[in-house]
């Protein structure tokens, strides 16, 4: 279904006891829950791989090198799936295999983030269930985060920022778990966010980490990328330290960068486009933007 179209998977696991919330299997066991989902997804991928192998095998027997390369990769993936291992455990051996793997659209090849849903008392340090999950996935190179969904629901009902901060302090948290989840998801997708700031609105845009200045501008409109001349850059830290663009310039914190400039998290930029300043771009620092 639609899960094949996504770029990553967030796997939420129940890691709390509550007699008033009955588990479908009768008891709390995040390891069992994870393995149940893993097996279901692996079986779907196995079905996909075997169907593709039926077509590729015929071409491979004729000596078609591309088909032989694809068959070799599919065989390795099939063997892993039969051993209850996800496709992401199979590392491409070259660029051709890397491209092929993406075309397969295998569910278990997608990067995964594990979210342990805990009770409020475990929101800071976790609990025995979280420890079990971390031990289980330690070889997957996957991140595990702790989130108390119940507490997050309570936070959203508080009207003021001050009330939310008091609630978080009482729990021993510095920020809502939703913020942690958002940053973890961006990290998983290798993306970052920047803002365009104008008189009428401030808007957030998402770019891949490693994007050049023209590519970042092109997310807004392709003409911005095509007509890119240069970028005038002030780092987020310098902008906050000096309080304004003018004062940052006076302190010598203003740089002019060309088309090869790699945008950094926290950059504040003016893009020059056909001798016009297109706009001011605020890049987020660790998921926190300028207000």
C-alpha atoms as a PDB file:
ATOM      1  CA  UNK A   1       0.000   0.000   0.000  1.00  0.00           C
ATOM      2  CA  UNK A   2       1.023   3.589   0.642  1.00  0.00           C
ATOM      3  CA  UNK A   3       3.752   2.530   3.048  1.00  0.00           C
ATOM      4  CA  UNK A   4       5.925   1.667   0.040  1.00  0.00           C
ATOM      5  CA  UNK A   5       5.805   5.313  -1.023  1.00  0.00           C
ATOM      6  CA  UNK A   6       7.196   6.671   2.251  1.00  0.00           C
ATOM      7  CA  UNK A   7      10.858   7.523   2.822  1.00  0.00           C
ATOM      8  CA  UNK A   8      11.195   6.180   6.360  1.00  0.00           C
ATOM      9  CA  UNK A   9       9.269   4.305   9.044  1.00  0.00           C
ATOM     10  CA  UNK A  10       8.501   5.436  12.590  1.00  0.00           C
ATOM     11  CA  UNK A  11       7.757   2.336  14.651  1.00  0.00           C
ATOM     12  CA  UNK A  12       5.890   3.164  17.875  1.00  0.00           C
ATOM     13  CA  UNK A  13       6.156   0.541  20.612  1.00  0.00           C
ATOM     14  CA  UNK A  14       4.096   0.361  23.778  1.00  0.00           C
ATOM     15  CA  UNK A  15       6.445   0.541  26.755  1.00  0.00           C
ATOM     16  CA  UNK A  16       4.121   1.202  29.681  1.00  0.00           C
ATOM     17  CA  UNK A  17       1.862  -0.766  32.019  1.00  0.00           C
ATOM     18  CA  UNK A  18      -1.737   0.316  32.509  1.00  0.00           C
ATOM     19  CA  UNK A  19      -4.509  -2.084  33.495  1.00  0.00           C
ATOM     20  CA  UNK A  20      -7.084   0.330  32.084  1.00  0.00           C
ATOM     21  CA  UNK A  21      -5.576   0.105  28.587  1.00  0.00           C
ATOM     22  CA  UNK A  22      -5.724  -3.532  27.556  1.00  0.00           C
ATOM     23  CA  UNK A  23      -3.095  -4.794  25.115  1.00  0.00           C
ATOM     24  CA  UNK A  24      -4.499  -6.792  22.214  1.00  0.00           C
ATOM     25  CA  UNK A  25      -2.172  -9.691  23.119  1.00  0.00           C
ATOM     26  CA  UNK A  26      -2.978  -9.575  26.825  1.00  0.00           C
ATOM     27  CA  UNK A  27       0.295  -8.197  28.163  1.00  0.00           C
ATOM     28  CA  UNK A  28       2.966  -5.592  27.429  1.00  0.00           C
ATOM     29  CA  UNK A  29       5.891  -6.941  25.434  1.00  0.00           C
ATOM     30  CA  UNK A  30       7.524  -4.461  23.016  1.00  0.00           C
ATOM     31  CA  UNK A  31       9.954  -7.098  21.742  1.00  0.00           C
ATOM     32  CA  UNK A  32       7.104  -9.343  20.631  1.00  0.00           C
ATOM     33  CA  UNK A  33       5.245  -6.367  19.149  1.00  0.00           C
ATOM     34  CA  UNK A  34       8.286  -5.301  17.133  1.00  0.00           C
ATOM     35  CA  UNK A  35       8.951  -8.802  15.852  1.00  0.00           C
ATOM     36  CA  UNK A  36       5.294  -9.218  14.851  1.00  0.00           C
ATOM     37  CA  UNK A  37       5.409  -6.106  12.665  1.00  0.00           C
ATOM     38  CA  UNK A  38       8.854  -7.006  11.320  1.00  0.00           C
ATOM     39  CA  UNK A  39       7.658 -10.436  10.194  1.00  0.00           C
ATOM     40  CA  UNK A  40       4.578  -9.011   8.491  1.00  0.00           C
ATOM     41  CA  UNK A  41       6.665  -6.491   6.556  1.00  0.00           C
ATOM     42  CA  UNK A  42       9.358  -9.047   5.733  1.00  0.00           C
ATOM     43  CA  UNK A  43       6.749 -11.414   4.296  1.00  0.00           C
ATOM     44  CA  UNK A  44       5.394  -8.643   2.072  1.00  0.00           C
ATOM     45  CA  UNK A  45       8.920  -7.872   0.874  1.00  0.00           C
ATOM     46  CA  UNK A  46       9.598 -11.568   0.275  1.00  0.00           C
ATOM     47  CA  UNK A  47       6.530 -11.698  -1.945  1.00  0.00           C
ATOM     48  CA  UNK A  48       7.804  -8.686  -3.894  1.00  0.00           C
ATOM     49  CA  UNK A  49      11.317 -10.116  -4.256  1.00  0.00           C
ATOM     50  CA  UNK A  50      10.141 -13.523  -5.456  1.00  0.00           C
ATOM     51  CA  UNK A  51       7.830 -11.993  -8.068  1.00  0.00           C
ATOM     52  CA  UNK A  52      10.685  -9.870  -9.355  1.00  0.00           C
ATOM     53  CA  UNK A  53      13.029 -12.852  -9.404  1.00  0.00           C
ATOM     54  CA  UNK A  54      10.625 -14.751 -11.650  1.00  0.00           C
ATOM     55  CA  UNK A  55      11.047 -12.079 -14.317  1.00  0.00           C
ATOM     56  CA  UNK A  56      14.758 -11.457 -13.793  1.00  0.00           C
ATOM     57  CA  UNK A  57      15.770 -15.130 -13.849  1.00  0.00           C
ATOM     58  CA  UNK A  58      14.722 -15.519 -17.471  1.00  0.00           C
ATOM     59  CA  UNK A  59      16.755 -12.522 -18.609  1.00  0.00           C
ATOM     60  CA  UNK A  60      19.748 -13.524 -16.479  1.00  0.00           C
ATOM     61  CA  UNK A  61      19.892 -16.952 -18.154  1.00  0.00           C
ATOM     62  CA  UNK A  62      20.309 -15.271 -21.547  1.00  0.00           C
ATOM     63  CA  UNK A  63      23.501 -13.591 -20.331  1.00  0.00           C
ATOM     64  CA  UNK A  64      22.031 -10.147 -19.730  1.00  0.00           C
ATOM     65  CA  UNK A  65      24.552  -8.531 -17.350  1.00  0.00           C
ATOM     66  CA  UNK A  66      22.085  -6.040 -15.876  1.00  0.00           C
ATOM     67  CA  UNK A  67      19.671  -8.856 -15.114  1.00  0.00           C
ATOM     68  CA  UNK A  68      22.475 -10.902 -13.559  1.00  0.00           C
ATOM     69  CA  UNK A  69      23.428  -7.980 -11.304  1.00  0.00           C
ATOM     70  CA  UNK A  70      19.815  -7.556 -10.234  1.00  0.00           C
ATOM     71  CA  UNK A  71      19.405 -11.294  -9.642  1.00  0.00           C
ATOM     72  CA  UNK A  72      22.486 -11.423  -7.422  1.00  0.00           C
ATOM     73  CA  UNK A  73      21.139  -8.594  -5.257  1.00  0.00           C
ATOM     74  CA  UNK A  74      17.647 -10.082  -5.106  1.00  0.00           C
ATOM     75  CA  UNK A  75      19.071 -13.460  -4.095  1.00  0.00           C
ATOM     76  CA  UNK A  76      20.950 -11.874  -1.180  1.00  0.00           C
ATOM     77  CA  UNK A  77      17.862  -9.994  -0.056  1.00  0.00           C
ATOM     78  CA  UNK A  78      15.687 -13.096  -0.356  1.00  0.00           C
ATOM     79  CA  UNK A  79      18.106 -15.096   1.784  1.00  0.00           C
ATOM     80  CA  UNK A  80      18.061 -12.398   4.464  1.00  0.00           C
ATOM     81  CA  UNK A  81      14.262 -12.221   4.484  1.00  0.00           C
ATOM     82  CA  UNK A  82      14.014 -16.003   4.814  1.00  0.00           C
ATOM     83  CA  UNK A  83      16.186 -15.666   7.924  1.00  0.00           C
ATOM     84  CA  UNK A  84      13.759 -13.070   9.374  1.00  0.00           C
ATOM     85  CA  UNK A  85      16.184 -10.230   8.646  1.00  0.00           C
ATOM     86  CA  UNK A  86      15.069  -6.956   7.104  1.00  0.00           C
ATOM     87  CA  UNK A  87      16.263  -5.830   3.684  1.00  0.00           C
ATOM     88  CA  UNK A  88      18.070  -2.869   5.265  1.00  0.00           C
ATOM     89  CA  UNK A  89      20.640  -5.353   6.620  1.00  0.00           C
ATOM     90  CA  UNK A  90      21.808  -5.980   3.042  1.00  0.00           C
ATOM     91  CA  UNK A  91      24.303  -3.294   2.099  1.00  0.00           C
ATOM     92  CA  UNK A  92      24.724  -2.463  -1.615  1.00  0.00           C
ATOM     93  CA  UNK A  93      28.178  -3.445  -2.878  1.00  0.00           C
ATOM     94  CA  UNK A  94      28.343  -0.713  -5.518  1.00  0.00           C
ATOM     95  CA  UNK A  95      26.418   2.217  -7.001  1.00  0.00           C
ATOM     96  CA  UNK A  96      24.489  -0.020  -9.396  1.00  0.00           C
ATOM     97  CA  UNK A  97      23.138  -2.091  -6.519  1.00  0.00           C
ATOM     98  CA  UNK A  98      22.309   1.043  -4.557  1.00  0.00           C
ATOM     99  CA  UNK A  99      20.189   2.355  -7.432  1.00  0.00           C
ATOM    100  CA  UNK A 100      18.551  -1.041  -7.915  1.00  0.00           C
ATOM    101  CA  UNK A 101      17.663  -1.340  -4.241  1.00  0.00           C
ATOM    102  CA  UNK A 102      15.757   1.941  -4.395  1.00  0.00           C
ATOM    103  CA  UNK A 103      13.734   0.753  -7.399  1.00  0.00           C
ATOM    104  CA  UNK A 104      12.579  -2.342  -5.489  1.00  0.00           C
ATOM    105  CA  UNK A 105      10.666  -0.131  -2.999  1.00  0.00           C
ATOM    106  CA  UNK A 106      11.064  -2.722  -0.264  1.00  0.00           C
ATOM    107  CA  UNK A 107       9.406  -1.758   2.995  1.00  0.00           C
ATOM    108  CA  UNK A 108      12.084  -3.250   5.243  1.00  0.00           C
ATOM    109  CA  UNK A 109      14.839  -1.477   3.311  1.00  0.00           C
ATOM    110  CA  UNK A 110      13.610   1.890   4.554  1.00  0.00           C
ATOM    111  CA  UNK A 111      15.357   3.533   7.523  1.00  0.00           C
ATOM    112  CA  UNK A 112      13.471   3.169  10.789  1.00  0.00           C
ATOM    113  CA  UNK A 113      13.091   5.177  13.988  1.00  0.00           C
ATOM    114  CA  UNK A 114      11.812   3.447  17.122  1.00  0.00           C
ATOM    115  CA  UNK A 115       9.582   5.459  19.453  1.00  0.00           C
ATOM    116  CA  UNK A 116       9.034   4.010  22.918  1.00  0.00           C
ATOM    117  CA  UNK A 117       5.681   5.213  24.237  1.00  0.00           C
ATOM    118  CA  UNK A 118       6.113   5.336  28.021  1.00  0.00           C
ATOM    119  CA  UNK A 119       4.211   6.537  31.094  1.00  0.00           C
ATOM    120  CA  UNK A 120       4.864  10.040  32.450  1.00  0.00           C
ATOM    121  CA  UNK A 121       7.189   8.781  35.201  1.00  0.00           C
ATOM    122  CA  UNK A 122       9.447   7.172  32.583  1.00  0.00           C
ATOM    123  CA  UNK A 123       9.530  10.112  30.168  1.00  0.00           C
ATOM    124  CA  UNK A 124      13.039  11.203  31.209  1.00  0.00           C
ATOM    125  CA  UNK A 125      15.054   8.022  31.721  1.00  0.00           C
ATOM    126  CA  UNK A 126      12.844   5.314  30.250  1.00  0.00           C
ATOM    127  CA  UNK A 127      12.135   1.969  31.912  1.00  0.00           C
ATOM    128  CA  UNK A 128      12.795  -1.759  31.604  1.00  0.00           C
ATOM    129  CA  UNK A 129      10.827  -1.961  28.369  1.00  0.00           C
ATOM    130  CA  UNK A 130      12.893   0.808  26.774  1.00  0.00           C
ATOM    131  CA  UNK A 131      16.070  -0.983  27.845  1.00  0.00           C
ATOM    132  CA  UNK A 132      14.803  -4.155  26.155  1.00  0.00           C
ATOM    133  CA  UNK A 133      14.123  -2.305  22.907  1.00  0.00           C
ATOM    134  CA  UNK A 134      17.541  -0.644  22.921  1.00  0.00           C
ATOM    135  CA  UNK A 135      19.242  -3.980  23.468  1.00  0.00           C
ATOM    136  CA  UNK A 136      17.255  -5.597  20.661  1.00  0.00           C
ATOM    137  CA  UNK A 137      18.009  -2.947  18.023  1.00  0.00           C
ATOM    138  CA  UNK A 138      21.594  -2.117  19.016  1.00  0.00           C
ATOM    139  CA  UNK A 139      22.938  -3.703  15.816  1.00  0.00           C
ATOM    140  CA  UNK A 140      20.420  -1.976  13.530  1.00  0.00           C
ATOM    141  CA  UNK A 141      22.058   1.454  13.784  1.00  0.00           C
ATOM    142  CA  UNK A 142      18.565   2.801  14.446  1.00  0.00           C
ATOM    143  CA  UNK A 143      17.746   5.574  16.887  1.00  0.00           C
ATOM    144  CA  UNK A 144      15.444   4.928  19.843  1.00  0.00           C
ATOM    145  CA  UNK A 145      13.628   7.853  21.439  1.00  0.00           C
ATOM    146  CA  UNK A 146      11.376   8.055  24.490  1.00  0.00           C
ATOM    147  CA  UNK A 147       7.976   9.705  24.222  1.00  0.00           C
ATOM    148  CA  UNK A 148       5.050   9.844  26.635  1.00  0.00           C
ATOM    149  CA  UNK A 149       2.033  10.217  24.376  1.00  0.00           C
ATOM    150  CA  UNK A 150      -0.229  10.784  27.375  1.00  0.00           C
ATOM    151  CA  UNK A 151       1.920  13.661  28.600  1.00  0.00           C
ATOM    152  CA  UNK A 152       2.112  15.127  25.093  1.00  0.00           C
ATOM    153  CA  UNK A 153      -1.688  15.157  24.939  1.00  0.00           C
ATOM    154  CA  UNK A 154      -1.814  17.005  28.259  1.00  0.00           C
ATOM    155  CA  UNK A 155       0.727  19.567  27.035  1.00  0.00           C
ATOM    156  CA  UNK A 156      -1.332  20.416  23.961  1.00  0.00           C
ATOM    157  CA  UNK A 157      -4.321  21.232  26.172  1.00  0.00           C
ATOM    158  CA  UNK A 158      -2.416  23.916  28.096  1.00  0.00           C
ATOM    159  CA  UNK A 159      -3.187  27.372  26.752  1.00  0.00           C
ATOM    160  CA  UNK A 160      -0.018  29.356  27.431  1.00  0.00           C
ATOM    161  CA  UNK A 161       3.684  28.831  26.818  1.00  0.00           C
ATOM    162  CA  UNK A 162       4.364  29.484  30.503  1.00  0.00           C
ATOM    163  CA  UNK A 163       1.954  26.734  31.579  1.00  0.00           C
ATOM    164  CA  UNK A 164       3.579  24.280  29.195  1.00  0.00           C
ATOM    165  CA  UNK A 165       7.042  25.118  30.524  1.00  0.00           C
ATOM    166  CA  UNK A 166       5.938  24.575  34.131  1.00  0.00           C
ATOM    167  CA  UNK A 167       4.428  21.226  33.136  1.00  0.00           C
ATOM    168  CA  UNK A 168       7.670  20.172  31.435  1.00  0.00           C
ATOM    169  CA  UNK A 169       9.791  21.271  34.392  1.00  0.00           C
ATOM    170  CA  UNK A 170       7.622  19.250  36.762  1.00  0.00           C
ATOM    171  CA  UNK A 171       8.272  16.206  34.569  1.00  0.00           C
ATOM    172  CA  UNK A 172      12.001  16.927  34.396  1.00  0.00           C
ATOM    173  CA  UNK A 173      11.927  17.639  30.660  1.00  0.00           C
ATOM    174  CA  UNK A 174      13.480  20.555  28.789  1.00  0.00           C
ATOM    175  CA  UNK A 175      11.134  20.364  25.806  1.00  0.00           C
ATOM    176  CA  UNK A 176       8.103  18.440  24.536  1.00  0.00           C
ATOM    177  CA  UNK A 177       8.739  14.970  23.195  1.00  0.00           C
ATOM    178  CA  UNK A 178       7.169  16.044  19.910  1.00  0.00           C
ATOM    179  CA  UNK A 179      10.142  18.349  19.317  1.00  0.00           C
ATOM    180  CA  UNK A 180      12.539  15.466  19.929  1.00  0.00           C
ATOM    181  CA  UNK A 181      10.555  13.316  17.501  1.00  0.00           C
ATOM    182  CA  UNK A 182      10.602  15.973  14.776  1.00  0.00           C
ATOM    183  CA  UNK A 183      14.368  16.432  15.006  1.00  0.00           C
ATOM    184  CA  UNK A 184      14.936  12.674  15.001  1.00  0.00           C
ATOM    185  CA  UNK A 185      12.747  12.310  11.907  1.00  0.00           C
ATOM    186  CA  UNK A 186      14.634  15.060  10.076  1.00  0.00           C
ATOM    187  CA  UNK A 187      17.924  13.405  11.014  1.00  0.00           C
ATOM    188  CA  UNK A 188      16.650  10.055   9.759  1.00  0.00           C
ATOM    189  CA  UNK A 189      15.679  11.627   6.429  1.00  0.00           C
ATOM    190  CA  UNK A 190      18.931  13.636   6.282  1.00  0.00           C
ATOM    191  CA  UNK A 191      17.013  16.869   5.960  1.00  0.00           C
ATOM    192  CA  UNK A 192      16.932  20.309   7.513  1.00  0.00           C
ATOM    193  CA  UNK A 193      14.539  23.233   7.479  1.00  0.00           C
ATOM    194  CA  UNK A 194      14.908  26.881   6.577  1.00  0.00           C
ATOM    195  CA  UNK A 195      12.509  29.801   6.644  1.00  0.00           C
ATOM    196  CA  UNK A 196      11.693  32.552   4.217  1.00  0.00           C
ATOM    197  CA  UNK A 197      10.880  35.723   6.101  1.00  0.00           C
ATOM    198  CA  UNK A 198       8.994  38.560   4.500  1.00  0.00           C
ATOM    199  CA  UNK A 199       6.715  41.390   5.510  1.00  0.00           C
ATOM    200  CA  UNK A 200       3.551  39.301   5.252  1.00  0.00           C
ATOM    201  CA  UNK A 201       4.664  35.854   6.390  1.00  0.00           C
ATOM    202  CA  UNK A 202       7.410  33.559   7.604  1.00  0.00           C
ATOM    203  CA  UNK A 203       7.388  30.169   5.906  1.00  0.00           C
ATOM    204  CA  UNK A 204       9.372  26.978   6.495  1.00  0.00           C
ATOM    205  CA  UNK A 205      10.960  24.953   3.699  1.00  0.00           C
ATOM    206  CA  UNK A 206      12.673  21.578   3.853  1.00  0.00           C
ATOM    207  CA  UNK A 207      15.923  20.779   2.048  1.00  0.00           C
ATOM    208  CA  UNK A 208      18.368  17.892   2.057  1.00  0.00           C
ATOM    209  CA  UNK A 209      21.461  18.266   4.205  1.00  0.00           C
ATOM    210  CA  UNK A 210      24.338  19.132   1.892  1.00  0.00           C
ATOM    211  CA  UNK A 211      22.244  21.283  -0.448  1.00  0.00           C
ATOM    212  CA  UNK A 212      23.975  24.178  -2.162  1.00  0.00           C
ATOM    213  CA  UNK A 213      22.610  27.704  -1.913  1.00  0.00           C
ATOM    214  CA  UNK A 214      21.041  27.552  -5.417  1.00  0.00           C
ATOM    215  CA  UNK A 215      19.393  24.215  -4.600  1.00  0.00           C
ATOM    216  CA  UNK A 216      17.958  25.650  -1.396  1.00  0.00           C
ATOM    217  CA  UNK A 217      16.539  28.612  -3.290  1.00  0.00           C
ATOM    218  CA  UNK A 218      15.169  26.262  -5.953  1.00  0.00           C
ATOM    219  CA  UNK A 219      12.890  24.592  -3.413  1.00  0.00           C
ATOM    220  CA  UNK A 220      10.832  27.788  -3.444  1.00  0.00           C
ATOM    221  CA  UNK A 221      10.881  28.248  -7.218  1.00  0.00           C
ATOM    222  CA  UNK A 222      13.034  26.778  -9.959  1.00  0.00           C
ATOM    223  CA  UNK A 223      13.665  30.277 -11.348  1.00  0.00           C
ATOM    224  CA  UNK A 224      15.419  31.172  -8.103  1.00  0.00           C
ATOM    225  CA  UNK A 225      17.917  28.390  -8.718  1.00  0.00           C
ATOM    226  CA  UNK A 226      18.353  29.126 -12.420  1.00  0.00           C
ATOM    227  CA  UNK A 227      18.922  32.844 -11.858  1.00  0.00           C
ATOM    228  CA  UNK A 228      21.092  32.491  -8.763  1.00  0.00           C
ATOM    229  CA  UNK A 229      23.979  34.960  -8.589  1.00  0.00           C
ATOM    230  CA  UNK A 230      25.282  34.788  -5.028  1.00  0.00           C
ATOM    231  CA  UNK A 231      24.248  34.360  -1.419  1.00  0.00           C
ATOM    232  CA  UNK A 232      24.891  36.850   1.373  1.00  0.00           C
ATOM    233  CA  UNK A 233      25.270  34.835   4.558  1.00  0.00           C
ATOM    234  CA  UNK A 234      25.178  35.456   8.297  1.00  0.00           C
ATOM    235  CA  UNK A 235      25.294  32.455  10.610  1.00  0.00           C
ATOM    236  CA  UNK A 236      22.400  31.874  12.982  1.00  0.00           C
ATOM    237  CA  UNK A 237      24.669  32.217  16.021  1.00  0.00           C
ATOM    238  CA  UNK A 238      26.054  35.553  14.833  1.00  0.00           C
ATOM    239  CA  UNK A 239      22.603  36.863  13.967  1.00  0.00           C
ATOM    240  CA  UNK A 240      21.318  36.050  17.462  1.00  0.00           C
ATOM    241  CA  UNK A 241      24.476  37.333  19.168  1.00  0.00           C
ATOM    242  CA  UNK A 242      24.399  40.731  17.467  1.00  0.00           C
ATOM    243  CA  UNK A 243      20.623  41.036  17.315  1.00  0.00           C
ATOM    244  CA  UNK A 244      20.259  42.292  13.757  1.00  0.00           C
ATOM    245  CA  UNK A 245      21.657  42.024  10.265  1.00  0.00           C
ATOM    246  CA  UNK A 246      23.134  45.530  10.408  1.00  0.00           C
ATOM    247  CA  UNK A 247      25.030  44.907  13.646  1.00  0.00           C
ATOM    248  CA  UNK A 248      26.282  41.534  12.398  1.00  0.00           C
ATOM    249  CA  UNK A 249      27.622  43.272   9.285  1.00  0.00           C
ATOM    250  CA  UNK A 250      29.326  45.923  11.419  1.00  0.00           C
ATOM    251  CA  UNK A 251      31.055  43.126  13.340  1.00  0.00           C
ATOM    252  CA  UNK A 252      32.334  41.590  10.101  1.00  0.00           C
ATOM    253  CA  UNK A 253      30.056  38.545  10.301  1.00  0.00           C
ATOM    254  CA  UNK A 254      28.672  38.990   6.795  1.00  0.00           C
ATOM    255  CA  UNK A 255      29.906  36.702   4.005  1.00  0.00           C
ATOM    256  CA  UNK A 256      29.285  36.533   0.269  1.00  0.00           C
ATOM    257  CA  UNK A 257      29.123  32.983  -1.090  1.00  0.00           C
ATOM    258  CA  UNK A 258      28.847  31.570  -4.603  1.00  0.00           C
ATOM    259  CA  UNK A 259      27.030  28.688  -6.240  1.00  0.00           C
ATOM    260  CA  UNK A 260      29.165  26.023  -4.557  1.00  0.00           C
ATOM    261  CA  UNK A 261      28.313  27.144  -1.034  1.00  0.00           C
ATOM    262  CA  UNK A 262      26.855  24.341   1.107  1.00  0.00           C
ATOM    263  CA  UNK A 263      24.049  25.699   3.248  1.00  0.00           C
ATOM    264  CA  UNK A 264      24.574  25.152   6.957  1.00  0.00           C
ATOM    265  CA  UNK A 265      22.003  24.689   9.660  1.00  0.00           C
ATOM    266  CA  UNK A 266      21.532  28.168  11.075  1.00  0.00           C
ATOM    267  CA  UNK A 267      22.443  30.295   8.059  1.00  0.00           C
ATOM    268  CA  UNK A 268      20.608  33.570   7.551  1.00  0.00           C
ATOM    269  CA  UNK A 269      20.772  34.391   3.859  1.00  0.00           C
ATOM    270  CA  UNK A 270      19.936  36.914   1.190  1.00  0.00           C
ATOM    271  CA  UNK A 271      19.870  35.401  -2.286  1.00  0.00           C
ATOM    272  CA  UNK A 272      20.859  37.665  -5.163  1.00  0.00           C
ATOM    273  CA  UNK A 273      18.805  36.834  -8.231  1.00  0.00           C
ATOM    274  CA  UNK A 274      19.189  38.908 -11.369  1.00  0.00           C
ATOM    275  CA  UNK A 275      20.448  41.883  -9.346  1.00  0.00           C
ATOM    276  CA  UNK A 276      17.467  41.663  -6.973  1.00  0.00           C
ATOM    277  CA  UNK A 277      17.356  40.542  -3.377  1.00  0.00           C
ATOM    278  CA  UNK A 278      14.848  37.706  -3.507  1.00  0.00           C
ATOM    279  CA  UNK A 279      14.319  37.283   0.178  1.00  0.00           C
ATOM    280  CA  UNK A 280      15.738  36.595   3.582  1.00  0.00           C
ATOM    281  CA  UNK A 281      16.121  32.973   4.564  1.00  0.00           C
ATOM    282  CA  UNK A 282      16.294  31.812   8.152  1.00  0.00           C
ATOM    283  CA  UNK A 283      17.820  28.361   8.609  1.00  0.00           C
ATOM    284  CA  UNK A 284      16.913  26.376  11.694  1.00  0.00           C
ATOM    285  CA  UNK A 285      19.462  25.554  14.344  1.00  0.00           C
ATOM    286  CA  UNK A 286      18.805  22.105  15.808  1.00  0.00           C
ATOM    287  CA  UNK A 287      15.146  22.383  14.863  1.00  0.00           C
ATOM    288  CA  UNK A 288      14.600  25.802  16.516  1.00  0.00           C
ATOM    289  CA  UNK A 289      13.886  28.758  14.259  1.00  0.00           C
ATOM    290  CA  UNK A 290      14.054  32.487  14.802  1.00  0.00           C
ATOM    291  CA  UNK A 291      10.908  34.189  16.047  1.00  0.00           C
END
